[in-house]
Amino acid sequence: MKYSIFVVEDDNSIRDLYEMAFDNDEFTCTSFVRAEEMFQAIKENRPNLIILDIMLPGMDGITALKKLKQDTATSDIPVIIASAKGDEDSKVRGLDVGADDYIAKPFGMLELIARVKANLRKVSYRKSDSSSLRAGEIAINDSEHIVTVNNQPVVITLKEYNLLKLLISRIDIVIPREVILKEVWGYDFVGETRTLDMHIKSLRAKLGAYTKMPYIKTIRGVGYKFSLTDLDEK
């Protein structure tokens, strides 16, 4: 299988590098100068992944990202922002809008290719079995609404179940607080945002009774992510 990569980049030299890197037996690369051109092409050919610059002529990258993630037809396509804006605020903003990854220019092509492959693996993992999820010692049987850790059943609430399922389904992806609240509690949620923190704390305690692995990571100022490594901040 060849993966289709869409690139939106207005710098000709960088666009040429993308095409060289992703025009081989593993990938096909289609590049665009403007986001509007990409959206037109998506109607005919849905890519497996999109690399998106922020500073573009016409529609900027953040607006394009919002449009992609708000449309159910494209919301599950992984998007990597590749931008000269490498400051923390720009990265947080991109992730908050829904980017799956963010890489600051200048970057090495080998690093970019590695990130592309990692994001494609995550998509394959999420789609491999819609009725069950497994990550490390934790398994979710969605058809029976059962969570086990090291084959031991864990009793959790419905909200905790949906929260854990969301985090595992987007493994290693930082999910902003606002996105979690909307997807788990609903778009009309108007309660105290500390509700999320309390559910995270409770879920960690219940999982912690069966494993020492700190799976759920806090990303300060952004949200949470589920990770199989313990190198991140707890």
C-alpha atoms as a PDB file:
ATOM      1  CA  MET A   1       0.000   0.000   0.000  1.00  0.00           C
ATOM      2  CA  LYS A   2       1.257   3.474  -0.919  1.00  0.00           C
ATOM      3  CA  TYR A   3       0.259   6.272   1.423  1.00  0.00           C
ATOM      4  CA  SER A   4      -1.029   9.489  -0.113  1.00  0.00           C
ATOM      5  CA  ILE A   5       0.497  12.613   1.420  1.00  0.00           C
ATOM      6  CA  PHE A   6      -0.922  16.083   0.748  1.00  0.00           C
ATOM      7  CA  VAL A   7       1.419  19.017   1.363  1.00  0.00           C
ATOM      8  CA  VAL A   8       0.352  22.675   1.523  1.00  0.00           C
ATOM      9  CA  GLU A   9       3.450  24.875   1.291  1.00  0.00           C
ATOM     10  CA  ASP A  10       3.987  28.150  -0.575  1.00  0.00           C
ATOM     11  CA  ASP A  11       7.804  27.989  -0.599  1.00  0.00           C
ATOM     12  CA  ASN A  12       8.850  26.365  -3.877  1.00  0.00           C
ATOM     13  CA  SER A  13      12.168  24.994  -2.588  1.00  0.00           C
ATOM     14  CA  ILE A  14      10.579  23.390   0.495  1.00  0.00           C
ATOM     15  CA  ARG A  15       7.759  21.996  -1.612  1.00  0.00           C
ATOM     16  CA  ASP A  16      10.343  20.389  -3.905  1.00  0.00           C
ATOM     17  CA  LEU A  17      12.007  18.751  -0.890  1.00  0.00           C
ATOM     18  CA  TYR A  18       8.668  17.312   0.246  1.00  0.00           C
ATOM     19  CA  GLU A  19       8.038  15.861  -3.185  1.00  0.00           C
ATOM     20  CA  MET A  20      11.507  14.280  -3.269  1.00  0.00           C
ATOM     21  CA  ALA A  21      11.063  12.801   0.215  1.00  0.00           C
ATOM     22  CA  PHE A  22       7.580  11.402  -0.346  1.00  0.00           C
ATOM     23  CA  ASP A  23       7.707  10.318  -3.983  1.00  0.00           C
ATOM     24  CA  ASN A  24       8.827   6.688  -3.701  1.00  0.00           C
ATOM     25  CA  ASP A  25       7.568   3.123  -3.308  1.00  0.00           C
ATOM     26  CA  GLU A  26       6.055   3.917   0.093  1.00  0.00           C
ATOM     27  CA  PHE A  27       4.419   7.312  -0.498  1.00  0.00           C
ATOM     28  CA  THR A  28       2.873   9.507  -3.145  1.00  0.00           C
ATOM     29  CA  CYS A  29       3.062  13.264  -2.642  1.00  0.00           C
ATOM     30  CA  THR A  30       0.709  15.917  -3.975  1.00  0.00           C
ATOM     31  CA  SER A  31       1.662  19.493  -3.158  1.00  0.00           C
ATOM     32  CA  PHE A  32      -0.323  22.713  -3.166  1.00  0.00           C
ATOM     33  CA  VAL A  33       0.511  26.385  -2.753  1.00  0.00           C
ATOM     34  CA  ARG A  34      -2.886  27.292  -1.327  1.00  0.00           C
ATOM     35  CA  ALA A  35      -5.162  25.510   1.142  1.00  0.00           C
ATOM     36  CA  GLU A  36      -8.115  26.170  -1.154  1.00  0.00           C
ATOM     37  CA  GLU A  37      -6.458  23.981  -3.809  1.00  0.00           C
ATOM     38  CA  MET A  38      -6.057  21.177  -1.291  1.00  0.00           C
ATOM     39  CA  PHE A  39      -9.733  21.236  -0.324  1.00  0.00           C
ATOM     40  CA  GLN A  40     -10.703  21.030  -3.972  1.00  0.00           C
ATOM     41  CA  ALA A  41      -8.402  18.026  -4.478  1.00  0.00           C
ATOM     42  CA  ILE A  42      -9.751  16.233  -1.386  1.00  0.00           C
ATOM     43  CA  LYS A  43     -13.133  15.974  -3.105  1.00  0.00           C
ATOM     44  CA  GLU A  44     -11.530  13.617  -5.638  1.00  0.00           C
ATOM     45  CA  ASN A  45      -8.711  11.993  -3.670  1.00  0.00           C
ATOM     46  CA  ARG A  46      -8.704  11.621   0.119  1.00  0.00           C
ATOM     47  CA  PRO A  47      -5.119  11.612   1.467  1.00  0.00           C
ATOM     48  CA  ASN A  48      -3.806   9.472   4.305  1.00  0.00           C
ATOM     49  CA  LEU A  49      -2.018  12.436   5.898  1.00  0.00           C
ATOM     50  CA  ILE A  50      -1.654  16.200   5.415  1.00  0.00           C
ATOM     51  CA  ILE A  51       1.416  18.377   6.053  1.00  0.00           C
ATOM     52  CA  LEU A  52       0.290  21.960   6.499  1.00  0.00           C
ATOM     53  CA  ASP A  53       2.142  25.258   6.725  1.00  0.00           C
ATOM     54  CA  ILE A  54       0.597  28.088   8.775  1.00  0.00           C
ATOM     55  CA  MET A  55       1.592  31.165   6.795  1.00  0.00           C
ATOM     56  CA  LEU A  56      -0.081  30.687   3.423  1.00  0.00           C
ATOM     57  CA  PRO A  57      -1.554  32.950   0.754  1.00  0.00           C
ATOM     58  CA  GLY A  58      -5.324  33.151   1.012  1.00  0.00           C
ATOM     59  CA  MET A  59      -6.634  30.814   3.696  1.00  0.00           C
ATOM     60  CA  ASP A  60      -4.032  30.471   6.464  1.00  0.00           C
ATOM     61  CA  GLY A  61      -3.030  27.123   7.914  1.00  0.00           C
ATOM     62  CA  ILE A  62      -4.894  27.458  11.214  1.00  0.00           C
ATOM     63  CA  THR A  63      -8.158  28.264   9.410  1.00  0.00           C
ATOM     64  CA  ALA A  64      -7.582  25.307   7.082  1.00  0.00           C
ATOM     65  CA  LEU A  65      -6.882  23.030  10.060  1.00  0.00           C
ATOM     66  CA  LYS A  66     -10.115  24.097  11.763  1.00  0.00           C
ATOM     67  CA  LYS A  67     -12.049  23.401   8.578  1.00  0.00           C
ATOM     68  CA  LEU A  68     -10.498  19.938   8.247  1.00  0.00           C
ATOM     69  CA  LYS A  69     -11.247  18.961  11.838  1.00  0.00           C
ATOM     70  CA  GLN A  70     -14.798  20.330  11.824  1.00  0.00           C
ATOM     71  CA  ASP A  71     -15.790  18.325   8.745  1.00  0.00           C
ATOM     72  CA  THR A  72     -16.680  14.705   9.543  1.00  0.00           C
ATOM     73  CA  ALA A  73     -15.401  13.680   6.103  1.00  0.00           C
ATOM     74  CA  THR A  74     -11.854  14.853   6.920  1.00  0.00           C
ATOM     75  CA  SER A  75     -11.685  15.109  10.721  1.00  0.00           C
ATOM     76  CA  ASP A  76      -9.839  11.788  11.096  1.00  0.00           C
ATOM     77  CA  ILE A  77      -7.094  12.623   8.581  1.00  0.00           C
ATOM     78  CA  PRO A  78      -3.876  13.192  10.602  1.00  0.00           C
ATOM     79  CA  VAL A  79      -2.450  16.685  10.106  1.00  0.00           C
ATOM     80  CA  ILE A  80       1.143  17.685  10.820  1.00  0.00           C
ATOM     81  CA  ILE A  81       1.796  21.401  11.037  1.00  0.00           C
ATOM     82  CA  ALA A  82       5.227  22.295   9.614  1.00  0.00           C
ATOM     83  CA  SER A  83       5.850  25.960  10.315  1.00  0.00           C
ATOM     84  CA  ALA A  84       8.571  28.533  10.860  1.00  0.00           C
ATOM     85  CA  LYS A  85       6.580  29.576  13.929  1.00  0.00           C
ATOM     86  CA  GLY A  86       8.365  27.421  16.467  1.00  0.00           C
ATOM     87  CA  ASP A  87       7.416  29.282  19.648  1.00  0.00           C
ATOM     88  CA  GLU A  88       5.429  27.522  22.358  1.00  0.00           C
ATOM     89  CA  ASP A  89       2.298  29.635  21.865  1.00  0.00           C
ATOM     90  CA  SER A  90       2.107  28.717  18.165  1.00  0.00           C
ATOM     91  CA  LYS A  91       2.570  25.035  18.942  1.00  0.00           C
ATOM     92  CA  VAL A  92      -0.096  25.085  21.646  1.00  0.00           C
ATOM     93  CA  ARG A  93      -2.482  26.919  19.341  1.00  0.00           C
ATOM     94  CA  GLY A  94      -1.955  24.388  16.555  1.00  0.00           C
ATOM     95  CA  LEU A  95      -2.466  21.413  18.864  1.00  0.00           C
ATOM     96  CA  ASP A  96      -5.461  23.091  20.466  1.00  0.00           C
ATOM     97  CA  VAL A  97      -7.154  23.470  17.087  1.00  0.00           C
ATOM     98  CA  GLY A  98      -6.620  19.782  16.360  1.00  0.00           C
ATOM     99  CA  ALA A  99      -3.198  19.198  14.802  1.00  0.00           C
ATOM    100  CA  ASP A 100      -1.895  15.679  15.400  1.00  0.00           C
ATOM    101  CA  ASP A 101       1.724  16.827  15.398  1.00  0.00           C
ATOM    102  CA  TYR A 102       3.772  20.028  15.081  1.00  0.00           C
ATOM    103  CA  ILE A 103       7.282  20.392  13.704  1.00  0.00           C
ATOM    104  CA  ALA A 104       9.150  23.693  13.572  1.00  0.00           C
ATOM    105  CA  LYS A 105      11.224  24.783  10.571  1.00  0.00           C
ATOM    106  CA  PRO A 106      14.014  24.224   9.837  1.00  0.00           C
ATOM    107  CA  PHE A 107      13.841  20.479  10.398  1.00  0.00           C
ATOM    108  CA  GLY A 108      15.544  17.398   9.022  1.00  0.00           C
ATOM    109  CA  MET A 109      13.663  15.381   6.414  1.00  0.00           C
ATOM    110  CA  LEU A 110      14.462  12.143   8.221  1.00  0.00           C
ATOM    111  CA  GLU A 111      12.746  13.498  11.327  1.00  0.00           C
ATOM    112  CA  LEU A 112       9.706  14.550   9.297  1.00  0.00           C
ATOM    113  CA  ILE A 113       9.480  11.150   7.589  1.00  0.00           C
ATOM    114  CA  ALA A 114       9.694   9.463  11.013  1.00  0.00           C
ATOM    115  CA  ARG A 115       6.863  11.636  12.316  1.00  0.00           C
ATOM    116  CA  VAL A 116       4.737  10.933   9.256  1.00  0.00           C
ATOM    117  CA  LYS A 117       5.199   7.189   9.724  1.00  0.00           C
ATOM    118  CA  ALA A 118       4.423   7.447  13.453  1.00  0.00           C
ATOM    119  CA  ASN A 119       1.160   9.288  12.791  1.00  0.00           C
ATOM    120  CA  LEU A 120       0.159   6.799  10.100  1.00  0.00           C
ATOM    121  CA  ARG A 121       0.792   3.952  12.560  1.00  0.00           C
ATOM    122  CA  LYS A 122      -1.479   5.619  15.096  1.00  0.00           C
ATOM    123  CA  VAL A 123      -4.287   5.805  12.553  1.00  0.00           C
ATOM    124  CA  SER A 124      -3.839   2.117  11.681  1.00  0.00           C
ATOM    125  CA  TYR A 125      -3.883   1.258  15.391  1.00  0.00           C
ATOM    126  CA  ARG A 126      -7.100   3.185  16.000  1.00  0.00           C
ATOM    127  CA  LYS A 127      -8.852   1.567  13.032  1.00  0.00           C
ATOM    128  CA  SER A 128      -7.576  -1.980  13.566  1.00  0.00           C
ATOM    129  CA  ASP A 129     -10.501  -3.051  15.752  1.00  0.00           C
ATOM    130  CA  SER A 130     -13.368  -0.693  16.484  1.00  0.00           C
ATOM    131  CA  SER A 131     -14.883  -3.054  19.100  1.00  0.00           C
ATOM    132  CA  SER A 132     -11.777  -3.316  21.273  1.00  0.00           C
ATOM    133  CA  LEU A 133      -8.699  -1.325  22.166  1.00  0.00           C
ATOM    134  CA  ARG A 134      -5.475  -2.431  23.809  1.00  0.00           C
ATOM    135  CA  ALA A 135      -2.547  -0.357  24.973  1.00  0.00           C
ATOM    136  CA  GLY A 136       0.105  -1.870  27.191  1.00  0.00           C
ATOM    137  CA  GLU A 137      -1.555  -3.630  30.113  1.00  0.00           C
ATOM    138  CA  ILE A 138      -4.924  -1.943  29.537  1.00  0.00           C
ATOM    139  CA  ALA A 139      -7.655  -3.470  27.356  1.00  0.00           C
ATOM    140  CA  ILE A 140     -11.090  -2.092  26.511  1.00  0.00           C
ATOM    141  CA  ASN A 141     -13.835  -4.404  25.265  1.00  0.00           C
ATOM    142  CA  ASP A 142     -16.230  -1.868  23.786  1.00  0.00           C
ATOM    143  CA  SER A 143     -18.950  -4.360  22.908  1.00  0.00           C
ATOM    144  CA  GLU A 144     -19.225  -5.372  26.580  1.00  0.00           C
ATOM    145  CA  HIS A 145     -18.102  -2.071  28.132  1.00  0.00           C
ATOM    146  CA  ILE A 146     -15.366  -3.814  30.122  1.00  0.00           C
ATOM    147  CA  VAL A 147     -11.938  -2.456  31.079  1.00  0.00           C
ATOM    148  CA  THR A 148      -9.185  -4.765  32.258  1.00  0.00           C
ATOM    149  CA  VAL A 149      -5.643  -4.119  33.459  1.00  0.00           C
ATOM    150  CA  ASN A 150      -3.310  -7.117  33.477  1.00  0.00           C
ATOM    151  CA  ASN A 151      -6.469  -9.188  32.812  1.00  0.00           C
ATOM    152  CA  GLN A 152      -8.064  -7.860  36.001  1.00  0.00           C
ATOM    153  CA  PRO A 153     -11.454  -6.118  35.578  1.00  0.00           C
ATOM    154  CA  VAL A 154     -11.527  -2.488  36.702  1.00  0.00           C
ATOM    155  CA  VAL A 155     -14.776  -0.928  37.877  1.00  0.00           C
ATOM    156  CA  ILE A 156     -15.092   2.622  36.508  1.00  0.00           C
ATOM    157  CA  THR A 157     -17.940   5.027  35.821  1.00  0.00           C
ATOM    158  CA  LEU A 158     -19.395   5.624  32.354  1.00  0.00           C
ATOM    159  CA  LYS A 159     -17.676   9.018  32.082  1.00  0.00           C
ATOM    160  CA  GLU A 160     -14.356   7.479  33.135  1.00  0.00           C
ATOM    161  CA  TYR A 161     -14.864   4.726  30.564  1.00  0.00           C
ATOM    162  CA  ASN A 162     -15.532   7.195  27.754  1.00  0.00           C
ATOM    163  CA  LEU A 163     -12.598   9.331  28.893  1.00  0.00           C
ATOM    164  CA  LEU A 164     -10.199   6.371  28.907  1.00  0.00           C
ATOM    165  CA  LYS A 165     -11.489   5.179  25.530  1.00  0.00           C
ATOM    166  CA  LEU A 166     -10.914   8.630  24.007  1.00  0.00           C
ATOM    167  CA  LEU A 167      -7.374   8.871  25.382  1.00  0.00           C
ATOM    168  CA  ILE A 168      -6.387   5.378  24.220  1.00  0.00           C
ATOM    169  CA  SER A 169      -7.955   5.845  20.781  1.00  0.00           C
ATOM    170  CA  ARG A 170      -5.603   8.788  20.237  1.00  0.00           C
ATOM    171  CA  ILE A 171      -2.526   7.260  21.818  1.00  0.00           C
ATOM    172  CA  ASP A 172       0.485   9.606  22.073  1.00  0.00           C
ATOM    173  CA  ILE A 173      -1.606  12.519  20.813  1.00  0.00           C
ATOM    174  CA  VAL A 174      -2.129  15.502  23.119  1.00  0.00           C
ATOM    175  CA  ILE A 175      -5.870  16.140  23.431  1.00  0.00           C
ATOM    176  CA  PRO A 176      -6.786  19.680  24.525  1.00  0.00           C
ATOM    177  CA  ARG A 177      -9.041  20.039  27.559  1.00  0.00           C
ATOM    178  CA  GLU A 178     -11.768  21.687  25.490  1.00  0.00           C
ATOM    179  CA  VAL A 179     -11.825  18.779  23.032  1.00  0.00           C
ATOM    180  CA  ILE A 180     -12.092  16.207  25.847  1.00  0.00           C
ATOM    181  CA  LEU A 181     -14.941  18.106  27.497  1.00  0.00           C
ATOM    182  CA  LYS A 182     -16.833  18.347  24.214  1.00  0.00           C
ATOM    183  CA  GLU A 183     -16.346  14.694  23.238  1.00  0.00           C
ATOM    184  CA  VAL A 184     -16.942  13.121  26.658  1.00  0.00           C
ATOM    185  CA  TRP A 185     -19.325  15.569  28.318  1.00  0.00           C
ATOM    186  CA  GLY A 186     -20.990  17.000  25.203  1.00  0.00           C
ATOM    187  CA  TYR A 187     -20.947  20.274  23.302  1.00  0.00           C
ATOM    188  CA  ASP A 188     -23.435  21.845  25.727  1.00  0.00           C
ATOM    189  CA  PHE A 189     -21.235  21.251  28.785  1.00  0.00           C
ATOM    190  CA  VAL A 190     -21.230  24.378  30.978  1.00  0.00           C
ATOM    191  CA  GLY A 191     -19.942  22.979  34.283  1.00  0.00           C
ATOM    192  CA  GLU A 192     -16.702  23.527  36.145  1.00  0.00           C
ATOM    193  CA  THR A 193     -13.691  22.488  34.050  1.00  0.00           C
ATOM    194  CA  ARG A 194     -12.136  20.976  37.193  1.00  0.00           C
ATOM    195  CA  THR A 195     -14.609  18.152  36.576  1.00  0.00           C
ATOM    196  CA  LEU A 196     -12.174  16.792  33.992  1.00  0.00           C
ATOM    197  CA  ASP A 197      -9.230  16.950  36.396  1.00  0.00           C
ATOM    198  CA  MET A 198     -11.205  15.092  39.068  1.00  0.00           C
ATOM    199  CA  HIS A 199     -12.141  12.337  36.623  1.00  0.00           C
ATOM    200  CA  ILE A 200      -8.512  12.029  35.498  1.00  0.00           C
ATOM    201  CA  LYS A 201      -7.398  11.748  39.126  1.00  0.00           C
ATOM    202  CA  SER A 202     -10.016   9.083  39.849  1.00  0.00           C
ATOM    203  CA  LEU A 203      -9.165   7.138  36.689  1.00  0.00           C
ATOM    204  CA  ARG A 204      -5.443   7.190  37.494  1.00  0.00           C
ATOM    205  CA  ALA A 205      -6.163   5.876  40.999  1.00  0.00           C
ATOM    206  CA  LYS A 206      -8.325   3.021  39.723  1.00  0.00           C
ATOM    207  CA  LEU A 207      -5.813   2.008  37.055  1.00  0.00           C
ATOM    208  CA  GLY A 208      -2.977   2.427  39.551  1.00  0.00           C
ATOM    209  CA  ALA A 209      -4.393  -0.351  41.717  1.00  0.00           C
ATOM    210  CA  TYR A 210      -3.347  -2.813  39.007  1.00  0.00           C
ATOM    211  CA  THR A 211      -0.340  -1.194  37.326  1.00  0.00           C
ATOM    212  CA  LYS A 212       2.553   1.101  38.215  1.00  0.00           C
ATOM    213  CA  MET A 213       2.655   2.529  34.695  1.00  0.00           C
ATOM    214  CA  PRO A 214       1.639   6.231  34.626  1.00  0.00           C
ATOM    215  CA  TYR A 215      -0.244   5.986  31.333  1.00  0.00           C
ATOM    216  CA  ILE A 216      -2.181   9.263  31.503  1.00  0.00           C
ATOM    217  CA  LYS A 217       0.075  12.296  31.138  1.00  0.00           C
ATOM    218  CA  THR A 218      -0.710  15.909  31.985  1.00  0.00           C
ATOM    219  CA  ILE A 219       0.437  18.394  29.356  1.00  0.00           C
ATOM    220  CA  ARG A 220       0.475  21.714  31.189  1.00  0.00           C
ATOM    221  CA  GLY A 221      -1.539  24.451  29.575  1.00  0.00           C
ATOM    222  CA  VAL A 222      -2.971  22.110  26.932  1.00  0.00           C
ATOM    223  CA  GLY A 223      -4.636  18.929  28.127  1.00  0.00           C
ATOM    224  CA  TYR A 224      -3.876  15.229  28.492  1.00  0.00           C
ATOM    225  CA  LYS A 225      -2.514  12.317  26.491  1.00  0.00           C
ATOM    226  CA  PHE A 226      -2.211   8.561  26.866  1.00  0.00           C
ATOM    227  CA  SER A 227       1.324   7.267  26.380  1.00  0.00           C
ATOM    228  CA  LEU A 228       3.075   3.921  26.717  1.00  0.00           C
ATOM    229  CA  THR A 229       6.290   5.561  27.913  1.00  0.00           C
ATOM    230  CA  ASP A 230       6.996   7.022  31.342  1.00  0.00           C
ATOM    231  CA  LEU A 231       9.337   9.729  30.044  1.00  0.00           C
ATOM    232  CA  ASP A 232       6.671  12.428  30.047  1.00  0.00           C
ATOM    233  CA  GLU A 233       5.382  14.489  32.907  1.00  0.00           C
ATOM    234  CA  LYS A 234       2.768  12.693  34.981  1.00  0.00           C
END
